Amino acid sequence: MASDVKVSSKYQVVIPREIREKMGLEKGDELTVDLEGETITMRRRPKSFTEYTEGLHKGVWGDEDADQYLHRMRGEWEPKPGE
């Protein structure tokens, strides 16, 4: 869903009603603004980044338990001289 907006003299933009309603945005909600190349992205700021990122990379280690994976990787480290 794309909409055209205009930057005001105070560098403000109005989020179109249709988008505000679809997102459930209300006065006082906080957004995160990101710039990548020529693209500006606005996202609702999570109330808790911990909850937002919980399980983000679930399954990265396949069927191996994350603790077992870390233990195995640490076992492969070369000991430092004098250890």
PDB file of N, CA and C in Angstrom:
ATOM      1  N   MET A   1       0.862  -1.169   0.000  1.00  0.00           N
ATOM      2  CA  MET A   1       0.000   0.000   0.000  1.00  0.00           C
ATOM      3  C   MET A   1       0.903   1.224   0.000  1.00  0.00           C
ATOM      4  N   ALA A   2       0.831   2.012  -1.020  1.00  0.00           N
ATOM      5  CA  ALA A   2       1.668   3.203  -1.129  1.00  0.00           C
ATOM      6  C   ALA A   2       0.794   4.451  -1.141  1.00  0.00           C
ATOM      7  N   SER A   3       1.280   5.494  -0.505  1.00  0.00           N
ATOM      8  CA  SER A   3       0.597   6.788  -0.494  1.00  0.00           C
ATOM      9  C   SER A   3       1.638   7.874  -0.641  1.00  0.00           C
ATOM     10  N   ASP A   4       1.238   8.970  -1.262  1.00  0.00           N
ATOM     11  CA  ASP A   4       2.128  10.117  -1.379  1.00  0.00           C
ATOM     12  C   ASP A   4       1.880  11.051  -0.198  1.00  0.00           C
ATOM     13  N   VAL A   5       2.951  11.544   0.389  1.00  0.00           N
ATOM     14  CA  VAL A   5       2.863  12.505   1.482  1.00  0.00           C
ATOM     15  C   VAL A   5       3.796  13.661   1.170  1.00  0.00           C
ATOM     16  N   LYS A   6       3.600  14.767   1.847  1.00  0.00           N
ATOM     17  CA  LYS A   6       4.412  15.959   1.610  1.00  0.00           C
ATOM     18  C   LYS A   6       5.169  16.290   2.890  1.00  0.00           C
ATOM     19  N   VAL A   7       6.428  16.673   2.747  1.00  0.00           N
ATOM     20  CA  VAL A   7       7.242  17.076   3.895  1.00  0.00           C
ATOM     21  C   VAL A   7       6.921  18.546   4.187  1.00  0.00           C
ATOM     22  N   SER A   8       6.572  18.830   5.454  1.00  0.00           N
ATOM     23  CA  SER A   8       6.218  20.206   5.828  1.00  0.00           C
ATOM     24  C   SER A   8       7.472  21.046   6.032  1.00  0.00           C
ATOM     25  N   SER A   9       7.278  22.323   6.302  1.00  0.00           N
ATOM     26  CA  SER A   9       8.407  23.221   6.545  1.00  0.00           C
ATOM     27  C   SER A   9       9.181  22.821   7.807  1.00  0.00           C
ATOM     28  N   LYS A  10       8.524  22.029   8.684  1.00  0.00           N
ATOM     29  CA  LYS A  10       9.198  21.531   9.897  1.00  0.00           C
ATOM     30  C   LYS A  10       9.686  20.090   9.705  1.00  0.00           C
ATOM     31  N   TYR A  11       9.755  19.645   8.450  1.00  0.00           N
ATOM     32  CA  TYR A  11      10.202  18.301   8.094  1.00  0.00           C
ATOM     33  C   TYR A  11       9.313  17.219   8.692  1.00  0.00           C
ATOM     34  N   GLN A  12       8.031  17.495   8.806  1.00  0.00           N
ATOM     35  CA  GLN A  12       7.074  16.526   9.312  1.00  0.00           C
ATOM     36  C   GLN A  12       6.269  15.955   8.158  1.00  0.00           C
ATOM     37  N   VAL A  13       5.792  14.725   8.331  1.00  0.00           N
ATOM     38  CA  VAL A  13       4.891  14.114   7.364  1.00  0.00           C
ATOM     39  C   VAL A  13       3.673  13.588   8.115  1.00  0.00           C
ATOM     40  N   VAL A  14       2.537  13.535   7.435  1.00  0.00           N
ATOM     41  CA  VAL A  14       1.313  12.993   8.014  1.00  0.00           C
ATOM     42  C   VAL A  14       1.136  11.585   7.470  1.00  0.00           C
ATOM     43  N   ILE A  15       0.948  10.625   8.367  1.00  0.00           N
ATOM     44  CA  ILE A  15       0.693   9.252   7.945  1.00  0.00           C
ATOM     45  C   ILE A  15      -0.772   9.186   7.514  1.00  0.00           C
ATOM     46  N   PRO A  16      -1.037   8.772   6.291  1.00  0.00           N
ATOM     47  CA  PRO A  16      -2.409   8.741   5.800  1.00  0.00           C
ATOM     48  C   PRO A  16      -3.343   7.914   6.698  1.00  0.00           C
ATOM     49  N   ARG A  17      -4.594   8.381   6.799  1.00  0.00           N
ATOM     50  CA  ARG A  17      -5.592   7.757   7.683  1.00  0.00           C
ATOM     51  C   ARG A  17      -5.713   6.258   7.430  1.00  0.00           C
ATOM     52  N   GLU A  18      -5.784   5.853   6.173  1.00  0.00           N
ATOM     53  CA  GLU A  18      -5.952   4.442   5.844  1.00  0.00           C
ATOM     54  C   GLU A  18      -4.830   3.592   6.447  1.00  0.00           C
ATOM     55  N   ILE A  19      -3.615   4.100   6.366  1.00  0.00           N
ATOM     56  CA  ILE A  19      -2.469   3.376   6.925  1.00  0.00           C
ATOM     57  C   ILE A  19      -2.523   3.397   8.452  1.00  0.00           C
ATOM     58  N   ARG A  20      -2.837   4.566   9.050  1.00  0.00           N
ATOM     59  CA  ARG A  20      -2.949   4.653  10.519  1.00  0.00           C
ATOM     60  C   ARG A  20      -3.973   3.653  11.045  1.00  0.00           C
ATOM     61  N   GLU A  21      -5.119   3.588  10.371  1.00  0.00           N
ATOM     62  CA  GLU A  21      -6.177   2.678  10.820  1.00  0.00           C
ATOM     63  C   GLU A  21      -5.777   1.225  10.656  1.00  0.00           C
ATOM     64  N   LYS A  22      -5.164   0.910   9.517  1.00  0.00           N
ATOM     65  CA  LYS A  22      -4.736  -0.468   9.276  1.00  0.00           C
ATOM     66  C   LYS A  22      -3.686  -0.909  10.292  1.00  0.00           C
ATOM     67  N   MET A  23      -2.788   0.006  10.667  1.00  0.00           N
ATOM     68  CA  MET A  23      -1.743  -0.290  11.646  1.00  0.00           C
ATOM     69  C   MET A  23      -2.242  -0.176  13.084  1.00  0.00           C
ATOM     70  N   GLY A  24      -3.386   0.453  13.272  1.00  0.00           N
ATOM     71  CA  GLY A  24      -3.895   0.666  14.624  1.00  0.00           C
ATOM     72  C   GLY A  24      -3.086   1.702  15.381  1.00  0.00           C
ATOM     73  N   LEU A  25      -2.512   2.659  14.657  1.00  0.00           N
ATOM     74  CA  LEU A  25      -1.703   3.696  15.294  1.00  0.00           C
ATOM     75  C   LEU A  25      -2.590   4.686  16.026  1.00  0.00           C
ATOM     76  N   GLU A  26      -2.100   5.132  17.176  1.00  0.00           N
ATOM     77  CA  GLU A  26      -2.812   6.136  17.957  1.00  0.00           C
ATOM     78  C   GLU A  26      -1.844   7.247  18.334  1.00  0.00           C
ATOM     79  N   LYS A  27      -2.389   8.372  18.757  1.00  0.00           N
ATOM     80  CA  LYS A  27      -1.548   9.494  19.189  1.00  0.00           C
ATOM     81  C   LYS A  27      -0.596   9.008  20.274  1.00  0.00           C
ATOM     82  N   GLY A  28       0.651   9.414  20.170  1.00  0.00           N
ATOM     83  CA  GLY A  28       1.648   9.042  21.172  1.00  0.00           C
ATOM     84  C   GLY A  28       2.396   7.763  20.863  1.00  0.00           C
ATOM     85  N   ASP A  29       1.919   6.961  19.898  1.00  0.00           N
ATOM     86  CA  ASP A  29       2.656   5.758  19.527  1.00  0.00           C
ATOM     87  C   ASP A  29       4.020   6.163  18.974  1.00  0.00           C
ATOM     88  N   GLU A  30       5.011   5.337  19.216  1.00  0.00           N
ATOM     89  CA  GLU A  30       6.355   5.628  18.740  1.00  0.00           C
ATOM     90  C   GLU A  30       6.687   4.754  17.547  1.00  0.00           C
ATOM     91  N   LEU A  31       7.386   5.342  16.579  1.00  0.00           N
ATOM     92  CA  LEU A  31       7.814   4.628  15.387  1.00  0.00           C
ATOM     93  C   LEU A  31       9.330   4.656  15.309  1.00  0.00           C
ATOM     94  N   THR A  32       9.884   3.651  14.664  1.00  0.00           N
ATOM     95  CA  THR A  32      11.309   3.604  14.370  1.00  0.00           C
ATOM     96  C   THR A  32      11.463   3.924  12.895  1.00  0.00           C
ATOM     97  N   VAL A  33      12.355   4.866  12.576  1.00  0.00           N
ATOM     98  CA  VAL A  33      12.571   5.282  11.197  1.00  0.00           C
ATOM     99  C   VAL A  33      13.946   4.798  10.769  1.00  0.00           C
ATOM    100  N   ASP A  34      14.002   4.142   9.603  1.00  0.00           N
ATOM    101  CA  ASP A  34      15.245   3.570   9.119  1.00  0.00           C
ATOM    102  C   ASP A  34      15.493   4.061   7.693  1.00  0.00           C
ATOM    103  N   LEU A  35      16.749   4.240   7.347  1.00  0.00           N
ATOM    104  CA  LEU A  35      17.135   4.663   6.008  1.00  0.00           C
ATOM    105  C   LEU A  35      18.049   3.613   5.400  1.00  0.00           C
ATOM    106  N   GLU A  36      17.687   3.130   4.214  1.00  0.00           N
ATOM    107  CA  GLU A  36      18.531   2.183   3.488  1.00  0.00           C
ATOM    108  C   GLU A  36      18.561   2.636   2.034  1.00  0.00           C
ATOM    109  N   GLY A  37      19.679   3.209   1.643  1.00  0.00           N
ATOM    110  CA  GLY A  37      19.777   3.769   0.298  1.00  0.00           C
ATOM    111  C   GLY A  37      18.833   4.953   0.159  1.00  0.00           C
ATOM    112  N   GLU A  38      17.913   4.874  -0.776  1.00  0.00           N
ATOM    113  CA  GLU A  38      16.930   5.931  -1.004  1.00  0.00           C
ATOM    114  C   GLU A  38      15.580   5.599  -0.367  1.00  0.00           C
ATOM    115  N   THR A  39      15.532   4.559   0.468  1.00  0.00           N
ATOM    116  CA  THR A  39      14.274   4.094   1.041  1.00  0.00           C
ATOM    117  C   THR A  39      14.196   4.426   2.524  1.00  0.00           C
ATOM    118  N   ILE A  40      13.115   5.096   2.918  1.00  0.00           N
ATOM    119  CA  ILE A  40      12.835   5.390   4.324  1.00  0.00           C
ATOM    120  C   ILE A  40      11.743   4.431   4.774  1.00  0.00           C
ATOM    121  N   THR A  41      11.994   3.720   5.868  1.00  0.00           N
ATOM    122  CA  THR A  41      11.021   2.777   6.396  1.00  0.00           C
ATOM    123  C   THR A  41      10.615   3.206   7.799  1.00  0.00           C
ATOM    124  N   MET A  42       9.324   3.181   8.065  1.00  0.00           N
ATOM    125  CA  MET A  42       8.811   3.486   9.404  1.00  0.00           C
ATOM    126  C   MET A  42       8.119   2.237   9.943  1.00  0.00           C
ATOM    127  N   ARG A  43       8.477   1.870  11.166  1.00  0.00           N
ATOM    128  CA  ARG A  43       7.875   0.706  11.824  1.00  0.00           C
ATOM    129  C   ARG A  43       7.409   1.112  13.213  1.00  0.00           C
ATOM    130  N   ARG A  44       6.387   0.421  13.687  1.00  0.00           N
ATOM    131  CA  ARG A  44       5.962   0.637  15.067  1.00  0.00           C
ATOM    132  C   ARG A  44       7.120   0.213  15.974  1.00  0.00           C
ATOM    133  N   ARG A  45       7.467   1.051  16.926  1.00  0.00           N
ATOM    134  CA  ARG A  45       8.538   0.735  17.871  1.00  0.00           C
ATOM    135  C   ARG A  45       8.005  -0.284  18.870  1.00  0.00           C
ATOM    136  N   PRO A  46       8.661  -1.434  18.985  1.00  0.00           N
ATOM    137  CA  PRO A  46       8.187  -2.447  19.929  1.00  0.00           C
ATOM    138  C   PRO A  46       8.234  -1.922  21.362  1.00  0.00           C
ATOM    139  N   LYS A  47       7.249  -2.307  22.156  1.00  0.00           N
ATOM    140  CA  LYS A  47       7.234  -1.905  23.563  1.00  0.00           C
ATOM    141  C   LYS A  47       8.389  -2.587  24.299  1.00  0.00           C
ATOM    142  N   SER A  48       8.746  -3.800  23.854  1.00  0.00           N
ATOM    143  CA  SER A  48       9.847  -4.543  24.455  1.00  0.00           C
ATOM    144  C   SER A  48      10.679  -5.175  23.348  1.00  0.00           C
ATOM    145  N   PHE A  49      11.928  -4.742  23.209  1.00  0.00           N
ATOM    146  CA  PHE A  49      12.785  -5.329  22.194  1.00  0.00           C
ATOM    147  C   PHE A  49      13.112  -6.778  22.533  1.00  0.00           C
ATOM    148  N   THR A  50      13.090  -7.128  23.810  1.00  0.00           N
ATOM    149  CA  THR A  50      13.337  -8.508  24.213  1.00  0.00           C
ATOM    150  C   THR A  50      12.247  -9.411  23.657  1.00  0.00           C
ATOM    151  N   GLU A  51      10.992  -9.024  23.856  1.00  0.00           N
ATOM    152  CA  GLU A  51       9.884  -9.815  23.327  1.00  0.00           C
ATOM    153  C   GLU A  51       9.881  -9.800  21.803  1.00  0.00           C
ATOM    154  N   TYR A  52      10.234  -8.658  21.206  1.00  0.00           N
ATOM    155  CA  TYR A  52      10.245  -8.510  19.751  1.00  0.00           C
ATOM    156  C   TYR A  52      11.255  -9.450  19.104  1.00  0.00           C
ATOM    157  N   THR A  53      12.412  -9.644  19.728  1.00  0.00           N
ATOM    158  CA  THR A  53      13.464 -10.468  19.138  1.00  0.00           C
ATOM    159  C   THR A  53      13.465 -11.904  19.662  1.00  0.00           C
ATOM    160  N   GLU A  54      12.591 -12.217  20.599  1.00  0.00           N
ATOM    161  CA  GLU A  54      12.537 -13.563  21.173  1.00  0.00           C
ATOM    162  C   GLU A  54      12.285 -14.587  20.075  1.00  0.00           C
ATOM    163  N   GLY A  55      13.144 -15.595  19.997  1.00  0.00           N
ATOM    164  CA  GLY A  55      12.995 -16.645  19.011  1.00  0.00           C
ATOM    165  C   GLY A  55      13.349 -16.239  17.589  1.00  0.00           C
ATOM    166  N   LEU A  56      14.010 -15.112  17.424  1.00  0.00           N
ATOM    167  CA  LEU A  56      14.314 -14.576  16.101  1.00  0.00           C
ATOM    168  C   LEU A  56      15.071 -15.577  15.225  1.00  0.00           C
ATOM    169  N   HIS A  57      16.066 -16.217  15.777  1.00  0.00           N
ATOM    170  CA  HIS A  57      16.863 -17.164  14.992  1.00  0.00           C
ATOM    171  C   HIS A  57      16.637 -18.600  15.466  1.00  0.00           C
ATOM    172  N   LYS A  58      15.410 -18.866  15.828  1.00  0.00           N
ATOM    173  CA  LYS A  58      15.053 -20.205  16.269  1.00  0.00           C
ATOM    174  C   LYS A  58      15.341 -21.191  15.138  1.00  0.00           C
ATOM    175  N   GLY A  59      16.012 -22.245  15.451  1.00  0.00           N
ATOM    176  CA  GLY A  59      16.295 -23.248  14.439  1.00  0.00           C
ATOM    177  C   GLY A  59      17.581 -23.043  13.668  1.00  0.00           C
ATOM    178  N   VAL A  60      18.364 -22.016  14.014  1.00  0.00           N
ATOM    179  CA  VAL A  60      19.619 -21.768  13.306  1.00  0.00           C
ATOM    180  C   VAL A  60      20.544 -22.977  13.407  1.00  0.00           C
ATOM    181  N   TRP A  61      20.518 -23.651  14.515  1.00  0.00           N
ATOM    182  CA  TRP A  61      21.408 -24.782  14.736  1.00  0.00           C
ATOM    183  C   TRP A  61      20.770 -26.100  14.287  1.00  0.00           C
ATOM    184  N   GLY A  62      19.703 -26.040  13.535  1.00  0.00           N
ATOM    185  CA  GLY A  62      19.045 -27.267  13.081  1.00  0.00           C
ATOM    186  C   GLY A  62      18.409 -27.983  14.250  1.00  0.00           C
ATOM    187  N   ASP A  63      18.639 -29.269  14.319  1.00  0.00           N
ATOM    188  CA  ASP A  63      18.048 -30.075  15.398  1.00  0.00           C
ATOM    189  C   ASP A  63      18.909 -30.071  16.651  1.00  0.00           C
ATOM    190  N   GLU A  64      20.096 -29.471  16.579  1.00  0.00           N
ATOM    191  CA  GLU A  64      21.007 -29.465  17.721  1.00  0.00           C
ATOM    192  C   GLU A  64      20.599 -28.408  18.737  1.00  0.00           C
ATOM    193  N   ASP A  65      20.623 -28.771  19.998  1.00  0.00           N
ATOM    194  CA  ASP A  65      20.319 -27.848  21.083  1.00  0.00           C
ATOM    195  C   ASP A  65      21.373 -26.736  21.106  1.00  0.00           C
ATOM    196  N   ALA A  66      20.947 -25.498  21.299  1.00  0.00           N
ATOM    197  CA  ALA A  66      21.862 -24.355  21.276  1.00  0.00           C
ATOM    198  C   ALA A  66      22.976 -24.504  22.305  1.00  0.00           C
ATOM    199  N   ASP A  67      22.662 -24.963  23.511  1.00  0.00           N
ATOM    200  CA  ASP A  67      23.690 -25.145  24.546  1.00  0.00           C
ATOM    201  C   ASP A  67      24.708 -26.204  24.125  1.00  0.00           C
ATOM    202  N   GLN A  68      24.228 -27.294  23.528  1.00  0.00           N
ATOM    203  CA  GLN A  68      25.140 -28.345  23.056  1.00  0.00           C
ATOM    204  C   GLN A  68      26.032 -27.808  21.935  1.00  0.00           C
ATOM    205  N   TYR A  69      25.457 -27.019  21.049  1.00  0.00           N
ATOM    206  CA  TYR A  69      26.224 -26.432  19.951  1.00  0.00           C
ATOM    207  C   TYR A  69      27.346 -25.551  20.496  1.00  0.00           C
ATOM    208  N   LEU A  70      27.013 -24.659  21.447  1.00  0.00           N
ATOM    209  CA  LEU A  70      28.029 -23.780  22.037  1.00  0.00           C
ATOM    210  C   LEU A  70      29.121 -24.579  22.731  1.00  0.00           C
ATOM    211  N   HIS A  71      28.730 -25.620  23.467  1.00  0.00           N
ATOM    212  CA  HIS A  71      29.717 -26.458  24.158  1.00  0.00           C
ATOM    213  C   HIS A  71      30.655 -27.110  23.136  1.00  0.00           C
ATOM    214  N   ARG A  72      30.101 -27.624  22.037  1.00  0.00           N
ATOM    215  CA  ARG A  72      30.915 -28.252  20.996  1.00  0.00           C
ATOM    216  C   ARG A  72      31.857 -27.233  20.353  1.00  0.00           C
ATOM    217  N   MET A  73      31.351 -26.040  20.050  1.00  0.00           N
ATOM    218  CA  MET A  73      32.184 -25.004  19.426  1.00  0.00           C
ATOM    219  C   MET A  73      33.315 -24.573  20.358  1.00  0.00           C
ATOM    220  N   ARG A  74      33.019 -24.414  21.633  1.00  0.00           N
ATOM    221  CA  ARG A  74      34.060 -24.023  22.593  1.00  0.00           C
ATOM    222  C   ARG A  74      35.128 -25.098  22.700  1.00  0.00           C
ATOM    223  N   GLY A  75      34.735 -26.363  22.551  1.00  0.00           N
ATOM    224  CA  GLY A  75      35.691 -27.462  22.583  1.00  0.00           C
ATOM    225  C   GLY A  75      36.626 -27.457  21.385  1.00  0.00           C
ATOM    226  N   GLU A  76      36.197 -26.834  20.281  1.00  0.00           N
ATOM    227  CA  GLU A  76      37.020 -26.781  19.082  1.00  0.00           C
ATOM    228  C   GLU A  76      38.000 -25.605  19.090  1.00  0.00           C
ATOM    229  N   TRP A  77      37.846 -24.692  20.036  1.00  0.00           N
ATOM    230  CA  TRP A  77      38.760 -23.541  20.094  1.00  0.00           C
ATOM    231  C   TRP A  77      40.164 -24.036  20.386  1.00  0.00           C
ATOM    232  N   GLU A  78      41.115 -23.401  19.734  1.00  0.00           N
ATOM    233  CA  GLU A  78      42.509 -23.739  20.005  1.00  0.00           C
ATOM    234  C   GLU A  78      42.937 -23.070  21.305  1.00  0.00           C
ATOM    235  N   PRO A  79      43.604 -23.829  22.164  1.00  0.00           N
ATOM    236  CA  PRO A  79      44.035 -23.199  23.417  1.00  0.00           C
ATOM    237  C   PRO A  79      45.116 -22.147  23.153  1.00  0.00           C
ATOM    238  N   LYS A  80      45.099 -21.127  23.946  1.00  0.00           N
ATOM    239  CA  LYS A  80      46.110 -20.071  23.844  1.00  0.00           C
ATOM    240  C   LYS A  80      47.422 -20.597  24.416  1.00  0.00           C
ATOM    241  N   PRO A  81      48.546 -20.094  23.932  1.00  0.00           N
ATOM    242  CA  PRO A  81      49.845 -20.530  24.475  1.00  0.00           C
ATOM    243  C   PRO A  81      49.873 -20.366  25.991  1.00  0.00           C
ATOM    244  N   GLY A  82      50.347 -21.397  26.665  1.00  0.00           N
ATOM    245  CA  GLY A  82      50.461 -21.348  28.126  1.00  0.00           C
ATOM    246  C   GLY A  82      49.236 -21.903  28.833  1.00  0.00           C
ATOM    247  N   GLU A  83      48.215 -22.343  28.070  1.00  0.00           N
ATOM    248  CA  GLU A  83      47.021 -22.909  28.715  1.00  0.00           C
ATOM    249  C   GLU A  83      47.146 -24.394  28.826  1.00  0.00           C
TER     250      GLU A  83
END
